[in-house]
Amino acid sequence: MIELKLTDAEWENLLQLVVIGEYAASQLKKKAEKFTHIAEKLYRKQYELHTKISGDEAEENEIADIREKISADIDDYLEYFENYERK
């Protein structure tokens, strides 16, 4: 087990990086599956930190809401990536 101490800002940045990485990996279809499990664990931890309820109890729509909130904070990066891919 690895223990990692992060500030709140570092944690938020890590989650944003996870969304960006998950988005990029999803472009490869098959390869994305191995990253999905790790991303899901981090989203559940974020749920737990904000609700004080175990992430294991979170429903899929609640996890999707967490991911959407993080995505909204980095829309510019994702939009740039999408436009860059098309060129």
PDB file of N, CA and C in Angstrom:
ATOM      1  N   MET A   1       0.849  -1.171   0.000  1.00  0.00           N
ATOM      2  CA  MET A   1       0.000   0.000   0.000  1.00  0.00           C
ATOM      3  C   MET A   1       0.897   1.237   0.000  1.00  0.00           C
ATOM      4  N   ILE A   2       0.486   2.222  -0.760  1.00  0.00           N
ATOM      5  CA  ILE A   2       1.210   3.478  -0.855  1.00  0.00           C
ATOM      6  C   ILE A   2       0.389   4.548  -0.167  1.00  0.00           C
ATOM      7  N   GLU A   3       1.048   5.317   0.673  1.00  0.00           N
ATOM      8  CA  GLU A   3       0.381   6.429   1.345  1.00  0.00           C
ATOM      9  C   GLU A   3       0.938   7.719   0.767  1.00  0.00           C
ATOM     10  N   LEU A   4       0.051   8.642   0.494  1.00  0.00           N
ATOM     11  CA  LEU A   4       0.441   9.885  -0.157  1.00  0.00           C
ATOM     12  C   LEU A   4      -0.250  11.041   0.552  1.00  0.00           C
ATOM     13  N   LYS A   5       0.525  12.041   0.953  1.00  0.00           N
ATOM     14  CA  LYS A   5      -0.056  13.210   1.599  1.00  0.00           C
ATOM     15  C   LYS A   5      -0.080  14.356   0.594  1.00  0.00           C
ATOM     16  N   LEU A   6      -1.274  14.903   0.387  1.00  0.00           N
ATOM     17  CA  LEU A   6      -1.461  15.997  -0.565  1.00  0.00           C
ATOM     18  C   LEU A   6      -2.241  17.117   0.092  1.00  0.00           C
ATOM     19  N   THR A   7      -1.974  18.330  -0.335  1.00  0.00           N
ATOM     20  CA  THR A   7      -2.820  19.441   0.076  1.00  0.00           C
ATOM     21  C   THR A   7      -4.140  19.315  -0.674  1.00  0.00           C
ATOM     22  N   ASP A   8      -5.134  20.084  -0.267  1.00  0.00           N
ATOM     23  CA  ASP A   8      -6.418  20.055  -0.985  1.00  0.00           C
ATOM     24  C   ASP A   8      -6.220  20.450  -2.448  1.00  0.00           C
ATOM     25  N   ALA A   9      -5.388  21.467  -2.686  1.00  0.00           N
ATOM     26  CA  ALA A   9      -5.141  21.926  -4.064  1.00  0.00           C
ATOM     27  C   ALA A   9      -4.423  20.844  -4.873  1.00  0.00           C
ATOM     28  N   GLU A  10      -3.466  20.168  -4.272  1.00  0.00           N
ATOM     29  CA  GLU A  10      -2.762  19.090  -4.982  1.00  0.00           C
ATOM     30  C   GLU A  10      -3.714  17.940  -5.301  1.00  0.00           C
ATOM     31  N   TRP A  11      -4.608  17.619  -4.368  1.00  0.00           N
ATOM     32  CA  TRP A  11      -5.596  16.559  -4.597  1.00  0.00           C
ATOM     33  C   TRP A  11      -6.499  16.918  -5.773  1.00  0.00           C
ATOM     34  N   GLU A  12      -6.982  18.170  -5.794  1.00  0.00           N
ATOM     35  CA  GLU A  12      -7.829  18.629  -6.895  1.00  0.00           C
ATOM     36  C   GLU A  12      -7.078  18.549  -8.226  1.00  0.00           C
ATOM     37  N   ASN A  13      -5.822  18.942  -8.228  1.00  0.00           N
ATOM     38  CA  ASN A  13      -5.007  18.868  -9.454  1.00  0.00           C
ATOM     39  C   ASN A  13      -4.807  17.427  -9.898  1.00  0.00           C
ATOM     40  N   LEU A  14      -4.601  16.538  -8.943  1.00  0.00           N
ATOM     41  CA  LEU A  14      -4.448  15.121  -9.276  1.00  0.00           C
ATOM     42  C   LEU A  14      -5.722  14.587  -9.916  1.00  0.00           C
ATOM     43  N   LEU A  15      -6.868  14.933  -9.357  1.00  0.00           N
ATOM     44  CA  LEU A  15      -8.134  14.479  -9.932  1.00  0.00           C
ATOM     45  C   LEU A  15      -8.324  15.035 -11.340  1.00  0.00           C
ATOM     46  N   GLN A  16      -7.944  16.278 -11.546  1.00  0.00           N
ATOM     47  CA  GLN A  16      -8.040  16.862 -12.888  1.00  0.00           C
ATOM     48  C   GLN A  16      -7.125  16.114 -13.860  1.00  0.00           C
ATOM     49  N   LEU A  17      -5.939  15.794 -13.413  1.00  0.00           N
ATOM     50  CA  LEU A  17      -5.003  15.035 -14.248  1.00  0.00           C
ATOM     51  C   LEU A  17      -5.559  13.655 -14.576  1.00  0.00           C
ATOM     52  N   VAL A  18      -6.232  13.045 -13.621  1.00  0.00           N
ATOM     53  CA  VAL A  18      -6.846  11.732 -13.848  1.00  0.00           C
ATOM     54  C   VAL A  18      -7.913  11.824 -14.929  1.00  0.00           C
ATOM     55  N   VAL A  19      -8.747  12.864 -14.868  1.00  0.00           N
ATOM     56  CA  VAL A  19      -9.795  13.026 -15.883  1.00  0.00           C
ATOM     57  C   VAL A  19      -9.166  13.237 -17.257  1.00  0.00           C
ATOM     58  N   ILE A  20      -8.141  14.077 -17.319  1.00  0.00           N
ATOM     59  CA  ILE A  20      -7.454  14.304 -18.597  1.00  0.00           C
ATOM     60  C   ILE A  20      -6.850  13.001 -19.117  1.00  0.00           C
ATOM     61  N   GLY A  21      -6.187  12.273 -18.251  1.00  0.00           N
ATOM     62  CA  GLY A  21      -5.589  11.000 -18.653  1.00  0.00           C
ATOM     63  C   GLY A  21      -6.620   9.974 -19.058  1.00  0.00           C
ATOM     64  N   GLU A  22      -7.712   9.920 -18.317  1.00  0.00           N
ATOM     65  CA  GLU A  22      -8.788   8.983 -18.644  1.00  0.00           C
ATOM     66  C   GLU A  22      -9.398   9.329 -20.005  1.00  0.00           C
ATOM     67  N   TYR A  23      -9.553  10.616 -20.258  1.00  0.00           N
ATOM     68  CA  TYR A  23     -10.087  11.055 -21.545  1.00  0.00           C
ATOM     69  C   TYR A  23      -9.142  10.655 -22.678  1.00  0.00           C
ATOM     70  N   ALA A  24      -7.858  10.923 -22.490  1.00  0.00           N
ATOM     71  CA  ALA A  24      -6.876  10.575 -23.524  1.00  0.00           C
ATOM     72  C   ALA A  24      -6.834   9.065 -23.748  1.00  0.00           C
ATOM     73  N   ALA A  25      -6.839   8.297 -22.666  1.00  0.00           N
ATOM     74  CA  ALA A  25      -6.795   6.838 -22.784  1.00  0.00           C
ATOM     75  C   ALA A  25      -8.052   6.299 -23.445  1.00  0.00           C
ATOM     76  N   SER A  26      -9.179   6.969 -23.230  1.00  0.00           N
ATOM     77  CA  SER A  26     -10.430   6.482 -23.819  1.00  0.00           C
ATOM     78  C   SER A  26     -10.402   6.553 -25.338  1.00  0.00           C
ATOM     79  N   GLN A  27      -9.535   7.366 -25.878  1.00  0.00           N
ATOM     80  CA  GLN A  27      -9.398   7.451 -27.328  1.00  0.00           C
ATOM     81  C   GLN A  27      -8.795   6.162 -27.899  1.00  0.00           C
ATOM     82  N   LEU A  28      -8.176   5.365 -27.033  1.00  0.00           N
ATOM     83  CA  LEU A  28      -7.559   4.108 -27.453  1.00  0.00           C
ATOM     84  C   LEU A  28      -8.475   2.904 -27.238  1.00  0.00           C
ATOM     85  N   LYS A  29      -9.659   3.139 -26.737  1.00  0.00           N
ATOM     86  CA  LYS A  29     -10.697   2.135 -26.493  1.00  0.00           C
ATOM     87  C   LYS A  29     -10.215   0.985 -25.600  1.00  0.00           C
ATOM     88  N   LYS A  30      -9.593  -0.032 -26.141  1.00  0.00           N
ATOM     89  CA  LYS A  30      -9.191  -1.209 -25.371  1.00  0.00           C
ATOM     90  C   LYS A  30      -8.255  -0.853 -24.225  1.00  0.00           C
ATOM     91  N   LYS A  31      -7.319   0.009 -24.466  1.00  0.00           N
ATOM     92  CA  LYS A  31      -6.309   0.354 -23.480  1.00  0.00           C
ATOM     93  C   LYS A  31      -6.887   1.093 -22.276  1.00  0.00           C
ATOM     94  N   ALA A  32      -8.008   1.776 -22.443  1.00  0.00           N
ATOM     95  CA  ALA A  32      -8.587   2.593 -21.380  1.00  0.00           C
ATOM     96  C   ALA A  32      -9.084   1.757 -20.207  1.00  0.00           C
ATOM     97  N   GLU A  33      -9.472   0.537 -20.451  1.00  0.00           N
ATOM     98  CA  GLU A  33     -10.051  -0.296 -19.404  1.00  0.00           C
ATOM     99  C   GLU A  33      -9.136  -0.465 -18.200  1.00  0.00           C
ATOM    100  N   LYS A  34      -7.844  -0.573 -18.414  1.00  0.00           N
ATOM    101  CA  LYS A  34      -6.941  -0.775 -17.287  1.00  0.00           C
ATOM    102  C   LYS A  34      -6.807   0.473 -16.420  1.00  0.00           C
ATOM    103  N   PHE A  35      -7.175   1.635 -16.942  1.00  0.00           N
ATOM    104  CA  PHE A  35      -7.106   2.870 -16.172  1.00  0.00           C
ATOM    105  C   PHE A  35      -8.419   3.189 -15.464  1.00  0.00           C
ATOM    106  N   THR A  36      -9.502   2.650 -15.961  1.00  0.00           N
ATOM    107  CA  THR A  36     -10.823   2.964 -15.438  1.00  0.00           C
ATOM    108  C   THR A  36     -10.954   2.604 -13.965  1.00  0.00           C
ATOM    109  N   HIS A  37     -10.434   1.463 -13.585  1.00  0.00           N
ATOM    110  CA  HIS A  37     -10.543   1.005 -12.196  1.00  0.00           C
ATOM    111  C   HIS A  37      -9.831   1.973 -11.243  1.00  0.00           C
ATOM    112  N   ILE A  38      -8.669   2.424 -11.617  1.00  0.00           N
ATOM    113  CA  ILE A  38      -7.912   3.346 -10.766  1.00  0.00           C
ATOM    114  C   ILE A  38      -8.634   4.686 -10.666  1.00  0.00           C
ATOM    115  N   ALA A  39      -9.106   5.186 -11.785  1.00  0.00           N
ATOM    116  CA  ALA A  39      -9.836   6.452 -11.785  1.00  0.00           C
ATOM    117  C   ALA A  39     -11.079   6.339 -10.903  1.00  0.00           C
ATOM    118  N   GLU A  40     -11.786   5.246 -11.010  1.00  0.00           N
ATOM    119  CA  GLU A  40     -12.990   5.019 -10.211  1.00  0.00           C
ATOM    120  C   GLU A  40     -12.665   5.066  -8.716  1.00  0.00           C
ATOM    121  N   LYS A  41     -11.553   4.478  -8.309  1.00  0.00           N
ATOM    122  CA  LYS A  41     -11.156   4.505  -6.903  1.00  0.00           C
ATOM    123  C   LYS A  41     -10.920   5.938  -6.425  1.00  0.00           C
ATOM    124  N   LEU A  42     -10.292   6.738  -7.258  1.00  0.00           N
ATOM    125  CA  LEU A  42     -10.027   8.127  -6.880  1.00  0.00           C
ATOM    126  C   LEU A  42     -11.318   8.938  -6.821  1.00  0.00           C
ATOM    127  N   TYR A  43     -12.227   8.722  -7.743  1.00  0.00           N
ATOM    128  CA  TYR A  43     -13.514   9.421  -7.709  1.00  0.00           C
ATOM    129  C   TYR A  43     -14.298   9.032  -6.455  1.00  0.00           C
ATOM    130  N   ARG A  44     -14.237   7.761  -6.090  1.00  0.00           N
ATOM    131  CA  ARG A  44     -14.928   7.321  -4.878  1.00  0.00           C
ATOM    132  C   ARG A  44     -14.306   7.943  -3.629  1.00  0.00           C
ATOM    133  N   LYS A  45     -12.994   8.103  -3.636  1.00  0.00           N
ATOM    134  CA  LYS A  45     -12.327   8.767  -2.513  1.00  0.00           C
ATOM    135  C   LYS A  45     -12.766  10.229  -2.433  1.00  0.00           C
ATOM    136  N   GLN A  46     -12.887  10.894  -3.575  1.00  0.00           N
ATOM    137  CA  GLN A  46     -13.367  12.280  -3.605  1.00  0.00           C
ATOM    138  C   GLN A  46     -14.787  12.355  -3.045  1.00  0.00           C
ATOM    139  N   TYR A  47     -15.621  11.419  -3.429  1.00  0.00           N
ATOM    140  CA  TYR A  47     -16.994  11.350  -2.904  1.00  0.00           C
ATOM    141  C   TYR A  47     -16.957  11.240  -1.384  1.00  0.00           C
ATOM    142  N   GLU A  48     -16.124  10.357  -0.899  1.00  0.00           N
ATOM    143  CA  GLU A  48     -15.989  10.123   0.533  1.00  0.00           C
ATOM    144  C   GLU A  48     -15.519  11.384   1.259  1.00  0.00           C
ATOM    145  N   LEU A  49     -14.553  12.076   0.695  1.00  0.00           N
ATOM    146  CA  LEU A  49     -14.032  13.293   1.318  1.00  0.00           C
ATOM    147  C   LEU A  49     -15.091  14.387   1.412  1.00  0.00           C
ATOM    148  N   HIS A  50     -15.950  14.472   0.419  1.00  0.00           N
ATOM    149  CA  HIS A  50     -16.943  15.537   0.389  1.00  0.00           C
ATOM    150  C   HIS A  50     -18.242  15.202   1.103  1.00  0.00           C
ATOM    151  N   THR A  51     -18.583  13.938   1.171  1.00  0.00           N
ATOM    152  CA  THR A  51     -19.863  13.571   1.780  1.00  0.00           C
ATOM    153  C   THR A  51     -19.706  12.955   3.163  1.00  0.00           C
ATOM    154  N   LYS A  52     -18.493  12.541   3.494  1.00  0.00           N
ATOM    155  CA  LYS A  52     -18.227  11.828   4.758  1.00  0.00           C
ATOM    156  C   LYS A  52     -18.960  10.491   4.799  1.00  0.00           C
ATOM    157  N   ILE A  53     -19.296   9.982   3.604  1.00  0.00           N
ATOM    158  CA  ILE A  53     -19.924   8.668   3.451  1.00  0.00           C
ATOM    159  C   ILE A  53     -18.949   7.808   2.663  1.00  0.00           C
ATOM    160  N   SER A  54     -18.831   6.566   3.032  1.00  0.00           N
ATOM    161  CA  SER A  54     -17.904   5.666   2.352  1.00  0.00           C
ATOM    162  C   SER A  54     -18.108   5.691   0.841  1.00  0.00           C
ATOM    163  N   GLY A  55     -17.014   5.804   0.114  1.00  0.00           N
ATOM    164  CA  GLY A  55     -17.071   5.789  -1.344  1.00  0.00           C
ATOM    165  C   GLY A  55     -17.640   4.497  -1.891  1.00  0.00           C
ATOM    166  N   ASP A  56     -17.518   3.425  -1.110  1.00  0.00           N
ATOM    167  CA  ASP A  56     -18.079   2.138  -1.537  1.00  0.00           C
ATOM    168  C   ASP A  56     -19.608   2.184  -1.606  1.00  0.00           C
ATOM    169  N   GLU A  57     -20.205   3.108  -0.873  1.00  0.00           N
ATOM    170  CA  GLU A  57     -21.660   3.229  -0.856  1.00  0.00           C
ATOM    171  C   GLU A  57     -22.192   4.144  -1.962  1.00  0.00           C
ATOM    172  N   ALA A  58     -21.292   4.834  -2.654  1.00  0.00           N
ATOM    173  CA  ALA A  58     -21.712   5.766  -3.705  1.00  0.00           C
ATOM    174  C   ALA A  58     -22.314   5.007  -4.880  1.00  0.00           C
ATOM    175  N   GLU A  59     -23.389   5.557  -5.413  1.00  0.00           N
ATOM    176  CA  GLU A  59     -24.013   4.973  -6.587  1.00  0.00           C
ATOM    177  C   GLU A  59     -23.322   5.514  -7.834  1.00  0.00           C
ATOM    178  N   GLU A  60     -23.514   4.832  -8.934  1.00  0.00           N
ATOM    179  CA  GLU A  60     -22.835   5.213 -10.186  1.00  0.00           C
ATOM    180  C   GLU A  60     -23.130   6.653 -10.595  1.00  0.00           C
ATOM    181  N   ASN A  61     -24.374   7.095 -10.413  1.00  0.00           N
ATOM    182  CA  ASN A  61     -24.708   8.468 -10.791  1.00  0.00           C
ATOM    183  C   ASN A  61     -23.991   9.485  -9.905  1.00  0.00           C
ATOM    184  N   GLU A  62     -23.742   9.134  -8.651  1.00  0.00           N
ATOM    185  CA  GLU A  62     -23.013  10.033  -7.754  1.00  0.00           C
ATOM    186  C   GLU A  62     -21.544  10.137  -8.163  1.00  0.00           C
ATOM    187  N   ILE A  63     -20.980   9.026  -8.588  1.00  0.00           N
ATOM    188  CA  ILE A  63     -19.603   9.031  -9.080  1.00  0.00           C
ATOM    189  C   ILE A  63     -19.530   9.813 -10.387  1.00  0.00           C
ATOM    190  N   ALA A  64     -20.527   9.648 -11.239  1.00  0.00           N
ATOM    191  CA  ALA A  64     -20.568  10.399 -12.493  1.00  0.00           C
ATOM    192  C   ALA A  64     -20.649  11.896 -12.214  1.00  0.00           C
ATOM    193  N   ASP A  65     -21.398  12.280 -11.189  1.00  0.00           N
ATOM    194  CA  ASP A  65     -21.479  13.694 -10.812  1.00  0.00           C
ATOM    195  C   ASP A  65     -20.121  14.231 -10.377  1.00  0.00           C
ATOM    196  N   ILE A  66     -19.378  13.448  -9.620  1.00  0.00           N
ATOM    197  CA  ILE A  66     -18.031  13.845  -9.184  1.00  0.00           C
ATOM    198  C   ILE A  66     -17.152  14.071 -10.410  1.00  0.00           C
ATOM    199  N   ARG A  67     -17.181  13.110 -11.319  1.00  0.00           N
ATOM    200  CA  ARG A  67     -16.350  13.212 -12.526  1.00  0.00           C
ATOM    201  C   ARG A  67     -16.752  14.427 -13.363  1.00  0.00           C
ATOM    202  N   GLU A  68     -18.042  14.676 -13.486  1.00  0.00           N
ATOM    203  CA  GLU A  68     -18.522  15.821 -14.264  1.00  0.00           C
ATOM    204  C   GLU A  68     -18.070  17.144 -13.657  1.00  0.00           C
ATOM    205  N   LYS A  69     -18.088  17.221 -12.333  1.00  0.00           N
ATOM    206  CA  LYS A  69     -17.646  18.453 -11.673  1.00  0.00           C
ATOM    207  C   LYS A  69     -16.161  18.699 -11.948  1.00  0.00           C
ATOM    208  N   ILE A  70     -15.366  17.652 -11.865  1.00  0.00           N
ATOM    209  CA  ILE A  70     -13.936  17.784 -12.151  1.00  0.00           C
ATOM    210  C   ILE A  70     -13.742  18.170 -13.610  1.00  0.00           C
ATOM    211  N   SER A  71     -14.468  17.522 -14.499  1.00  0.00           N
ATOM    212  CA  SER A  71     -14.370  17.813 -15.934  1.00  0.00           C
ATOM    213  C   SER A  71     -14.713  19.264 -16.239  1.00  0.00           C
ATOM    214  N   ALA A  72     -15.717  19.788 -15.547  1.00  0.00           N
ATOM    215  CA  ALA A  72     -16.122  21.171 -15.780  1.00  0.00           C
ATOM    216  C   ALA A  72     -14.994  22.145 -15.466  1.00  0.00           C
ATOM    217  N   ASP A  73     -14.160  21.793 -14.489  1.00  0.00           N
ATOM    218  CA  ASP A  73     -13.035  22.652 -14.105  1.00  0.00           C
ATOM    219  C   ASP A  73     -11.907  22.634 -15.137  1.00  0.00           C
ATOM    220  N   ILE A  74     -11.921  21.642 -16.017  1.00  0.00           N
ATOM    221  CA  ILE A  74     -10.824  21.520 -16.993  1.00  0.00           C
ATOM    222  C   ILE A  74     -11.333  21.466 -18.425  1.00  0.00           C
ATOM    223  N   ASP A  75     -12.511  21.991 -18.653  1.00  0.00           N
ATOM    224  CA  ASP A  75     -13.092  21.987 -20.000  1.00  0.00           C
ATOM    225  C   ASP A  75     -12.151  22.557 -21.050  1.00  0.00           C
ATOM    226  N   ASP A  76     -11.408  23.599 -20.707  1.00  0.00           N
ATOM    227  CA  ASP A  76     -10.484  24.212 -21.668  1.00  0.00           C
ATOM    228  C   ASP A  76      -9.432  23.216 -22.147  1.00  0.00           C
ATOM    229  N   TYR A  77      -8.905  22.415 -21.231  1.00  0.00           N
ATOM    230  CA  TYR A  77      -7.896  21.423 -21.602  1.00  0.00           C
ATOM    231  C   TYR A  77      -8.490  20.356 -22.514  1.00  0.00           C
ATOM    232  N   LEU A  78      -9.672  19.886 -22.148  1.00  0.00           N
ATOM    233  CA  LEU A  78     -10.311  18.841 -22.944  1.00  0.00           C
ATOM    234  C   LEU A  78     -10.693  19.354 -24.332  1.00  0.00           C
ATOM    235  N   GLU A  79     -11.170  20.588 -24.383  1.00  0.00           N
ATOM    236  CA  GLU A  79     -11.520  21.180 -25.678  1.00  0.00           C
ATOM    237  C   GLU A  79     -10.274  21.336 -26.553  1.00  0.00           C
ATOM    238  N   TYR A  80      -9.180  21.772 -25.953  1.00  0.00           N
ATOM    239  CA  TYR A  80      -7.933  21.912 -26.704  1.00  0.00           C
ATOM    240  C   TYR A  80      -7.497  20.549 -27.251  1.00  0.00           C
ATOM    241  N   PHE A  81      -7.591  19.522 -26.418  1.00  0.00           N
ATOM    242  CA  PHE A  81      -7.203  18.179 -26.832  1.00  0.00           C
ATOM    243  C   PHE A  81      -8.059  17.713 -28.007  1.00  0.00           C
ATOM    244  N   GLU A  82      -9.369  17.935 -27.909  1.00  0.00           N
ATOM    245  CA  GLU A  82     -10.269  17.524 -28.989  1.00  0.00           C
ATOM    246  C   GLU A  82      -9.935  18.245 -30.290  1.00  0.00           C
ATOM    247  N   ASN A  83      -9.691  19.539 -30.216  1.00  0.00           N
ATOM    248  CA  ASN A  83      -9.374  20.323 -31.417  1.00  0.00           C
ATOM    249  C   ASN A  83      -8.009  19.962 -31.962  1.00  0.00           C
ATOM    250  N   TYR A  84      -7.066  19.675 -31.103  1.00  0.00           N
ATOM    251  CA  TYR A  84      -5.725  19.307 -31.552  1.00  0.00           C
ATOM    252  C   TYR A  84      -5.759  17.982 -32.305  1.00  0.00           C
ATOM    253  N   GLU A  85      -6.563  17.044 -31.810  1.00  0.00           N
ATOM    254  CA  GLU A  85      -6.681  15.727 -32.439  1.00  0.00           C
ATOM    255  C   GLU A  85      -7.231  15.819 -33.853  1.00  0.00           C
ATOM    256  N   ARG A  86      -8.076  16.786 -34.119  1.00  0.00           N
ATOM    257  CA  ARG A  86      -8.737  16.903 -35.413  1.00  0.00           C
ATOM    258  C   ARG A  86      -7.843  17.546 -36.475  1.00  0.00           C
ATOM    259  N   LYS A  87      -6.788  18.209 -36.063  1.00  0.00           N
ATOM    260  CA  LYS A  87      -5.929  18.921 -37.027  1.00  0.00           C
ATOM    261  C   LYS A  87      -5.046  17.981 -37.787  1.00  0.00           C
TER     262      LYS A  87
END
